[in-house]
């Protein structure tokens, strides 16, 4: 009785071996006479050597493009770091809650594509009247418990808010919000929330810019506490 056997595909083994032994055909030149190396159709390439040269050129161009992108990103990161450094001093120089909020919002609008800046502080007693989107909420506010997951993670999150959260936060403006960044104000217990909303898609990504944003949040909170004393 004949046994049906599935043909073994040795191609991956051969490819792997030749990849680890690039001098194989140099060490075994007689095998070259037995190889069939047809023209590579559709690429205006007439030989294997031309194909290799073309492949190397494309790889070189790809690496060049990647290096240019990295260089451009580094320049942008350095500029943003300088701007955030100056902004930190501007926040510390603010002499009122109103100017503190406006100073930060104008910076975020310019550098972070921020169209809506929501800041919430939770306190037993209201220390100050609300100003624009800077709100003072009761310590047991529903909003505080709504974001318990953010406090548990205790780090900034990008585009993580469900649509119902966006509706609660931004109200009638919620349909304009395409990207969000959420930062907890946390010191042993939840103290508040920093929420940025943008009308641009993919405005916020984890990385250097979010780390700078978290730093500015901390400077803002510290100066706000100073002004409320």
C-alpha atoms as a PDB file:
ATOM      1  CA  UNK A   1       0.000   0.000   0.000  1.00  0.00           C
ATOM      2  CA  UNK A   2       1.446   3.313  -1.093  1.00  0.00           C
ATOM      3  CA  UNK A   3       1.981   5.904   1.570  1.00  0.00           C
ATOM      4  CA  UNK A   4       1.049   9.468   0.707  1.00  0.00           C
ATOM      5  CA  UNK A   5       3.862  11.754   1.777  1.00  0.00           C
ATOM      6  CA  UNK A   6       3.792  15.527   1.572  1.00  0.00           C
ATOM      7  CA  UNK A   7       6.748  16.946  -0.382  1.00  0.00           C
ATOM      8  CA  UNK A   8       9.300  18.597   1.871  1.00  0.00           C
ATOM      9  CA  UNK A   9       9.967  22.257   1.074  1.00  0.00           C
ATOM     10  CA  UNK A  10      13.707  22.671   1.456  1.00  0.00           C
ATOM     11  CA  UNK A  11      13.760  26.219   0.085  1.00  0.00           C
ATOM     12  CA  UNK A  12      13.808  27.947   3.523  1.00  0.00           C
ATOM     13  CA  UNK A  13      16.707  25.715   4.567  1.00  0.00           C
ATOM     14  CA  UNK A  14      18.660  26.553   1.412  1.00  0.00           C
ATOM     15  CA  UNK A  15      17.952  30.300   1.773  1.00  0.00           C
ATOM     16  CA  UNK A  16      19.031  30.220   5.400  1.00  0.00           C
ATOM     17  CA  UNK A  17      22.236  28.335   4.592  1.00  0.00           C
ATOM     18  CA  UNK A  18      23.229  30.640   1.729  1.00  0.00           C
ATOM     19  CA  UNK A  19      22.438  33.648   3.887  1.00  0.00           C
ATOM     20  CA  UNK A  20      24.857  32.396   6.537  1.00  0.00           C
ATOM     21  CA  UNK A  21      27.464  31.413   3.933  1.00  0.00           C
ATOM     22  CA  UNK A  22      27.663  34.280   1.389  1.00  0.00           C
ATOM     23  CA  UNK A  23      30.956  32.936  -0.067  1.00  0.00           C
ATOM     24  CA  UNK A  24      29.466  29.549  -0.919  1.00  0.00           C
ATOM     25  CA  UNK A  25      29.571  30.050  -4.703  1.00  0.00           C
ATOM     26  CA  UNK A  26      33.052  31.554  -4.524  1.00  0.00           C
ATOM     27  CA  UNK A  27      34.226  28.416  -2.765  1.00  0.00           C
ATOM     28  CA  UNK A  28      32.315  26.196  -5.222  1.00  0.00           C
ATOM     29  CA  UNK A  29      32.600  27.927  -8.628  1.00  0.00           C
ATOM     30  CA  UNK A  30      31.719  24.805 -10.613  1.00  0.00           C
ATOM     31  CA  UNK A  31      28.156  25.022  -9.340  1.00  0.00           C
ATOM     32  CA  UNK A  32      27.654  28.341 -11.125  1.00  0.00           C
ATOM     33  CA  UNK A  33      27.686  26.574 -14.490  1.00  0.00           C
ATOM     34  CA  UNK A  34      24.677  24.554 -13.405  1.00  0.00           C
ATOM     35  CA  UNK A  35      22.611  27.505 -12.163  1.00  0.00           C
ATOM     36  CA  UNK A  36      19.859  29.085 -14.219  1.00  0.00           C
ATOM     37  CA  UNK A  37      19.955  32.877 -13.713  1.00  0.00           C
ATOM     38  CA  UNK A  38      17.346  34.336 -16.094  1.00  0.00           C
ATOM     39  CA  UNK A  39      16.913  38.047 -16.764  1.00  0.00           C
ATOM     40  CA  UNK A  40      14.798  39.828 -14.159  1.00  0.00           C
ATOM     41  CA  UNK A  41      11.844  40.946 -16.219  1.00  0.00           C
ATOM     42  CA  UNK A  42       9.981  44.195 -15.698  1.00  0.00           C
ATOM     43  CA  UNK A  43      12.805  45.984 -13.879  1.00  0.00           C
ATOM     44  CA  UNK A  44      15.035  47.023 -16.792  1.00  0.00           C
ATOM     45  CA  UNK A  45      17.783  44.878 -15.224  1.00  0.00           C
ATOM     46  CA  UNK A  46      19.673  42.402 -17.371  1.00  0.00           C
ATOM     47  CA  UNK A  47      21.868  40.575 -14.870  1.00  0.00           C
ATOM     48  CA  UNK A  48      22.127  39.425 -11.284  1.00  0.00           C
ATOM     49  CA  UNK A  49      24.923  41.939 -10.673  1.00  0.00           C
ATOM     50  CA  UNK A  50      22.735  44.803 -11.892  1.00  0.00           C
ATOM     51  CA  UNK A  51      19.965  43.556  -9.639  1.00  0.00           C
ATOM     52  CA  UNK A  52      22.315  43.543  -6.638  1.00  0.00           C
ATOM     53  CA  UNK A  53      23.540  47.066  -7.456  1.00  0.00           C
ATOM     54  CA  UNK A  54      19.973  48.308  -7.853  1.00  0.00           C
ATOM     55  CA  UNK A  55      19.025  46.675  -4.550  1.00  0.00           C
ATOM     56  CA  UNK A  56      21.979  48.293  -2.780  1.00  0.00           C
ATOM     57  CA  UNK A  57      21.079  51.701  -4.203  1.00  0.00           C
ATOM     58  CA  UNK A  58      17.522  51.384  -2.937  1.00  0.00           C
ATOM     59  CA  UNK A  59      18.750  50.361   0.510  1.00  0.00           C
ATOM     60  CA  UNK A  60      21.150  53.303   0.534  1.00  0.00           C
ATOM     61  CA  UNK A  61      18.331  55.705  -0.357  1.00  0.00           C
ATOM     62  CA  UNK A  62      16.122  54.200   2.335  1.00  0.00           C
ATOM     63  CA  UNK A  63      18.855  54.634   4.959  1.00  0.00           C
ATOM     64  CA  UNK A  64      19.456  58.197   3.788  1.00  0.00           C
ATOM     65  CA  UNK A  65      15.755  59.002   4.123  1.00  0.00           C
ATOM     66  CA  UNK A  66      15.653  57.451   7.605  1.00  0.00           C
ATOM     67  CA  UNK A  67      18.706  59.471   8.708  1.00  0.00           C
ATOM     68  CA  UNK A  68      17.157  62.684   7.367  1.00  0.00           C
ATOM     69  CA  UNK A  69      13.931  61.932   9.256  1.00  0.00           C
ATOM     70  CA  UNK A  70      15.828  61.247  12.479  1.00  0.00           C
ATOM     71  CA  UNK A  71      17.817  64.446  12.058  1.00  0.00           C
ATOM     72  CA  UNK A  72      14.652  66.468  11.410  1.00  0.00           C
ATOM     73  CA  UNK A  73      12.924  64.937  14.432  1.00  0.00           C
ATOM     74  CA  UNK A  74      15.935  65.722  16.617  1.00  0.00           C
ATOM     75  CA  UNK A  75      15.884  69.369  15.527  1.00  0.00           C
ATOM     76  CA  UNK A  76      12.165  69.576  16.295  1.00  0.00           C
ATOM     77  CA  UNK A  77      12.663  67.912  19.686  1.00  0.00           C
ATOM     78  CA  UNK A  78      15.472  70.311  20.586  1.00  0.00           C
ATOM     79  CA  UNK A  79      13.340  73.311  19.621  1.00  0.00           C
ATOM     80  CA  UNK A  80      10.359  72.033  21.634  1.00  0.00           C
ATOM     81  CA  UNK A  81      12.602  71.407  24.648  1.00  0.00           C
ATOM     82  CA  UNK A  82      13.881  74.997  24.478  1.00  0.00           C
ATOM     83  CA  UNK A  83      10.323  76.340  24.201  1.00  0.00           C
ATOM     84  CA  UNK A  84       9.131  74.201  27.128  1.00  0.00           C
ATOM     85  CA  UNK A  85      12.101  75.390  29.209  1.00  0.00           C
ATOM     86  CA  UNK A  86      11.156  79.016  28.612  1.00  0.00           C
ATOM     87  CA  UNK A  87       7.503  78.213  29.223  1.00  0.00           C
ATOM     88  CA  UNK A  88       8.341  76.779  32.642  1.00  0.00           C
ATOM     89  CA  UNK A  89       9.714  80.163  33.733  1.00  0.00           C
ATOM     90  CA  UNK A  90       6.692  81.941  32.253  1.00  0.00           C
ATOM     91  CA  UNK A  91       4.390  79.764  34.354  1.00  0.00           C
ATOM     92  CA  UNK A  92       6.407  80.388  37.508  1.00  0.00           C
ATOM     93  CA  UNK A  93       6.180  84.136  36.850  1.00  0.00           C
ATOM     94  CA  UNK A  94       2.365  84.095  36.648  1.00  0.00           C
ATOM     95  CA  UNK A  95       0.786  86.260  39.338  1.00  0.00           C
ATOM     96  CA  UNK A  96      -2.819  85.048  39.079  1.00  0.00           C
ATOM     97  CA  UNK A  97      -4.744  81.852  38.385  1.00  0.00           C
ATOM     98  CA  UNK A  98      -6.171  83.456  35.263  1.00  0.00           C
ATOM     99  CA  UNK A  99      -2.803  84.401  33.772  1.00  0.00           C
ATOM    100  CA  UNK A 100      -1.392  80.991  34.744  1.00  0.00           C
ATOM    101  CA  UNK A 101      -4.080  79.152  32.801  1.00  0.00           C
ATOM    102  CA  UNK A 102      -3.970  81.505  29.800  1.00  0.00           C
ATOM    103  CA  UNK A 103      -0.169  81.318  29.575  1.00  0.00           C
ATOM    104  CA  UNK A 104      -0.185  77.528  29.470  1.00  0.00           C
ATOM    105  CA  UNK A 105      -3.138  77.277  27.083  1.00  0.00           C
ATOM    106  CA  UNK A 106      -1.600  79.653  24.536  1.00  0.00           C
ATOM    107  CA  UNK A 107       1.620  77.620  24.591  1.00  0.00           C
ATOM    108  CA  UNK A 108      -0.210  74.299  24.162  1.00  0.00           C
ATOM    109  CA  UNK A 109      -2.342  75.759  21.395  1.00  0.00           C
ATOM    110  CA  UNK A 110       0.810  76.793  19.524  1.00  0.00           C
ATOM    111  CA  UNK A 111       3.048  73.801  20.201  1.00  0.00           C
ATOM    112  CA  UNK A 112       0.649  70.908  20.866  1.00  0.00           C
ATOM    113  CA  UNK A 113      -2.261  71.611  18.510  1.00  0.00           C
ATOM    114  CA  UNK A 114      -4.422  71.925  21.619  1.00  0.00           C
ATOM    115  CA  UNK A 115      -7.867  73.412  20.986  1.00  0.00           C
ATOM    116  CA  UNK A 116      -9.319  72.546  24.422  1.00  0.00           C
ATOM    117  CA  UNK A 117      -7.488  72.445  27.742  1.00  0.00           C
ATOM    118  CA  UNK A 118      -9.501  70.952  30.596  1.00  0.00           C
ATOM    119  CA  UNK A 119      -7.968  71.150  34.080  1.00  0.00           C
ATOM    120  CA  UNK A 120      -9.777  69.798  37.138  1.00  0.00           C
ATOM    121  CA  UNK A 121      -8.760  70.028  40.780  1.00  0.00           C
ATOM    122  CA  UNK A 122     -10.535  68.027  43.490  1.00  0.00           C
ATOM    123  CA  UNK A 123     -10.798  69.693  46.919  1.00  0.00           C
ATOM    124  CA  UNK A 124     -12.879  69.540  50.106  1.00  0.00           C
ATOM    125  CA  UNK A 125     -13.684  73.227  49.756  1.00  0.00           C
ATOM    126  CA  UNK A 126     -13.638  75.307  46.604  1.00  0.00           C
ATOM    127  CA  UNK A 127     -10.416  77.374  46.864  1.00  0.00           C
ATOM    128  CA  UNK A 128     -11.162  79.620  43.888  1.00  0.00           C
ATOM    129  CA  UNK A 129     -13.822  80.322  41.305  1.00  0.00           C
ATOM    130  CA  UNK A 130     -13.737  78.392  38.044  1.00  0.00           C
ATOM    131  CA  UNK A 131     -11.939  80.116  35.187  1.00  0.00           C
ATOM    132  CA  UNK A 132     -12.530  79.086  31.593  1.00  0.00           C
ATOM    133  CA  UNK A 133     -11.846  75.330  31.575  1.00  0.00           C
ATOM    134  CA  UNK A 134     -10.008  75.362  34.897  1.00  0.00           C
ATOM    135  CA  UNK A 135     -12.566  73.791  37.257  1.00  0.00           C
ATOM    136  CA  UNK A 136     -12.569  73.068  40.987  1.00  0.00           C
ATOM    137  CA  UNK A 137     -14.592  69.964  41.854  1.00  0.00           C
ATOM    138  CA  UNK A 138     -15.657  68.381  45.177  1.00  0.00           C
ATOM    139  CA  UNK A 139     -13.306  65.738  46.527  1.00  0.00           C
ATOM    140  CA  UNK A 140     -15.945  63.059  45.950  1.00  0.00           C
ATOM    141  CA  UNK A 141     -16.806  64.204  42.446  1.00  0.00           C
ATOM    142  CA  UNK A 142     -18.067  61.521  40.074  1.00  0.00           C
ATOM    143  CA  UNK A 143     -15.417  62.683  37.621  1.00  0.00           C
ATOM    144  CA  UNK A 144     -12.684  61.651  40.037  1.00  0.00           C
ATOM    145  CA  UNK A 145     -13.954  58.068  40.191  1.00  0.00           C
ATOM    146  CA  UNK A 146     -14.630  58.004  36.464  1.00  0.00           C
ATOM    147  CA  UNK A 147     -10.875  58.318  35.886  1.00  0.00           C
ATOM    148  CA  UNK A 148      -9.781  55.830  38.547  1.00  0.00           C
ATOM    149  CA  UNK A 149      -8.098  53.732  35.854  1.00  0.00           C
ATOM    150  CA  UNK A 150      -5.915  56.667  34.844  1.00  0.00           C
ATOM    151  CA  UNK A 151      -4.819  57.169  38.448  1.00  0.00           C
ATOM    152  CA  UNK A 152      -4.006  53.471  38.790  1.00  0.00           C
ATOM    153  CA  UNK A 153      -1.737  53.645  35.736  1.00  0.00           C
ATOM    154  CA  UNK A 154      -0.437  57.031  36.942  1.00  0.00           C
ATOM    155  CA  UNK A 155       1.088  58.121  33.656  1.00  0.00           C
ATOM    156  CA  UNK A 156      -0.051  60.140  30.625  1.00  0.00           C
ATOM    157  CA  UNK A 157      -2.231  58.376  28.082  1.00  0.00           C
ATOM    158  CA  UNK A 158      -2.880  59.327  24.470  1.00  0.00           C
ATOM    159  CA  UNK A 159      -6.175  58.799  22.646  1.00  0.00           C
ATOM    160  CA  UNK A 160      -7.443  56.450  25.342  1.00  0.00           C
ATOM    161  CA  UNK A 161     -10.723  58.177  26.228  1.00  0.00           C
ATOM    162  CA  UNK A 162     -13.984  56.419  25.274  1.00  0.00           C
ATOM    163  CA  UNK A 163     -16.469  58.553  23.344  1.00  0.00           C
ATOM    164  CA  UNK A 164     -18.773  58.837  26.376  1.00  0.00           C
ATOM    165  CA  UNK A 165     -15.911  60.325  28.422  1.00  0.00           C
ATOM    166  CA  UNK A 166     -15.226  62.854  25.669  1.00  0.00           C
ATOM    167  CA  UNK A 167     -18.915  63.795  25.684  1.00  0.00           C
ATOM    168  CA  UNK A 168     -18.827  64.352  29.458  1.00  0.00           C
ATOM    169  CA  UNK A 169     -15.647  66.428  29.335  1.00  0.00           C
ATOM    170  CA  UNK A 170     -16.200  68.568  26.261  1.00  0.00           C
ATOM    171  CA  UNK A 171     -19.999  68.722  26.047  1.00  0.00           C
ATOM    172  CA  UNK A 172     -21.255  70.399  22.888  1.00  0.00           C
ATOM    173  CA  UNK A 173     -17.693  70.664  21.579  1.00  0.00           C
ATOM    174  CA  UNK A 174     -17.085  66.910  21.818  1.00  0.00           C
ATOM    175  CA  UNK A 175     -17.730  66.324  18.096  1.00  0.00           C
ATOM    176  CA  UNK A 176     -14.709  68.511  17.313  1.00  0.00           C
ATOM    177  CA  UNK A 177     -12.283  66.446  19.388  1.00  0.00           C
ATOM    178  CA  UNK A 178     -10.155  64.062  17.290  1.00  0.00           C
ATOM    179  CA  UNK A 179      -7.233  63.447  19.683  1.00  0.00           C
ATOM    180  CA  UNK A 180      -6.758  63.556  23.449  1.00  0.00           C
ATOM    181  CA  UNK A 181      -3.959  63.436  25.996  1.00  0.00           C
ATOM    182  CA  UNK A 182      -4.879  62.593  29.606  1.00  0.00           C
ATOM    183  CA  UNK A 183      -2.517  63.322  32.496  1.00  0.00           C
ATOM    184  CA  UNK A 184      -3.292  62.555  36.142  1.00  0.00           C
ATOM    185  CA  UNK A 185      -2.479  65.002  38.923  1.00  0.00           C
ATOM    186  CA  UNK A 186      -1.577  62.523  41.608  1.00  0.00           C
ATOM    187  CA  UNK A 187       0.272  62.752  44.911  1.00  0.00           C
ATOM    188  CA  UNK A 188      -0.587  59.743  47.099  1.00  0.00           C
ATOM    189  CA  UNK A 189      -4.234  60.411  46.192  1.00  0.00           C
ATOM    190  CA  UNK A 190      -6.026  61.755  43.087  1.00  0.00           C
ATOM    191  CA  UNK A 191      -5.757  65.536  43.103  1.00  0.00           C
ATOM    192  CA  UNK A 192      -6.885  66.428  39.607  1.00  0.00           C
ATOM    193  CA  UNK A 193      -6.843  65.921  35.864  1.00  0.00           C
ATOM    194  CA  UNK A 194      -5.145  67.470  32.865  1.00  0.00           C
ATOM    195  CA  UNK A 195      -6.980  66.771  29.608  1.00  0.00           C
ATOM    196  CA  UNK A 196      -5.878  68.114  26.227  1.00  0.00           C
ATOM    197  CA  UNK A 197      -8.216  67.958  23.264  1.00  0.00           C
ATOM    198  CA  UNK A 198      -7.186  68.558  19.668  1.00  0.00           C
ATOM    199  CA  UNK A 199      -9.154  68.944  16.465  1.00  0.00           C
ATOM    200  CA  UNK A 200      -6.315  67.160  14.648  1.00  0.00           C
ATOM    201  CA  UNK A 201      -6.045  63.377  14.353  1.00  0.00           C
ATOM    202  CA  UNK A 202      -3.014  61.706  15.982  1.00  0.00           C
ATOM    203  CA  UNK A 203      -1.910  64.948  17.612  1.00  0.00           C
ATOM    204  CA  UNK A 204      -0.433  63.185  20.656  1.00  0.00           C
ATOM    205  CA  UNK A 205       1.975  60.274  20.868  1.00  0.00           C
ATOM    206  CA  UNK A 206       3.913  58.755  23.721  1.00  0.00           C
ATOM    207  CA  UNK A 207       7.494  59.929  23.842  1.00  0.00           C
ATOM    208  CA  UNK A 208       9.574  63.030  24.380  1.00  0.00           C
ATOM    209  CA  UNK A 209       6.841  65.612  23.719  1.00  0.00           C
ATOM    210  CA  UNK A 210       4.495  63.953  26.235  1.00  0.00           C
ATOM    211  CA  UNK A 211       7.284  63.870  28.821  1.00  0.00           C
ATOM    212  CA  UNK A 212       7.732  67.630  28.354  1.00  0.00           C
ATOM    213  CA  UNK A 213       3.973  68.076  28.660  1.00  0.00           C
ATOM    214  CA  UNK A 214       3.982  66.154  31.935  1.00  0.00           C
ATOM    215  CA  UNK A 215       6.759  68.428  33.208  1.00  0.00           C
ATOM    216  CA  UNK A 216       4.742  71.555  32.332  1.00  0.00           C
ATOM    217  CA  UNK A 217       1.740  70.054  34.091  1.00  0.00           C
ATOM    218  CA  UNK A 218       3.810  69.653  37.261  1.00  0.00           C
ATOM    219  CA  UNK A 219       5.072  73.242  37.047  1.00  0.00           C
ATOM    220  CA  UNK A 220       1.508  74.470  36.547  1.00  0.00           C
ATOM    221  CA  UNK A 221       0.219  72.527  39.569  1.00  0.00           C
ATOM    222  CA  UNK A 222       3.028  73.798  41.776  1.00  0.00           C
ATOM    223  CA  UNK A 223       2.466  77.427  40.795  1.00  0.00           C
ATOM    224  CA  UNK A 224      -1.293  77.041  41.149  1.00  0.00           C
ATOM    225  CA  UNK A 225      -0.842  75.761  44.705  1.00  0.00           C
ATOM    226  CA  UNK A 226       1.421  78.737  45.444  1.00  0.00           C
ATOM    227  CA  UNK A 227      -1.147  81.245  44.147  1.00  0.00           C
ATOM    228  CA  UNK A 228      -3.984  79.618  46.119  1.00  0.00           C
ATOM    229  CA  UNK A 229      -2.248  79.944  49.474  1.00  0.00           C
END
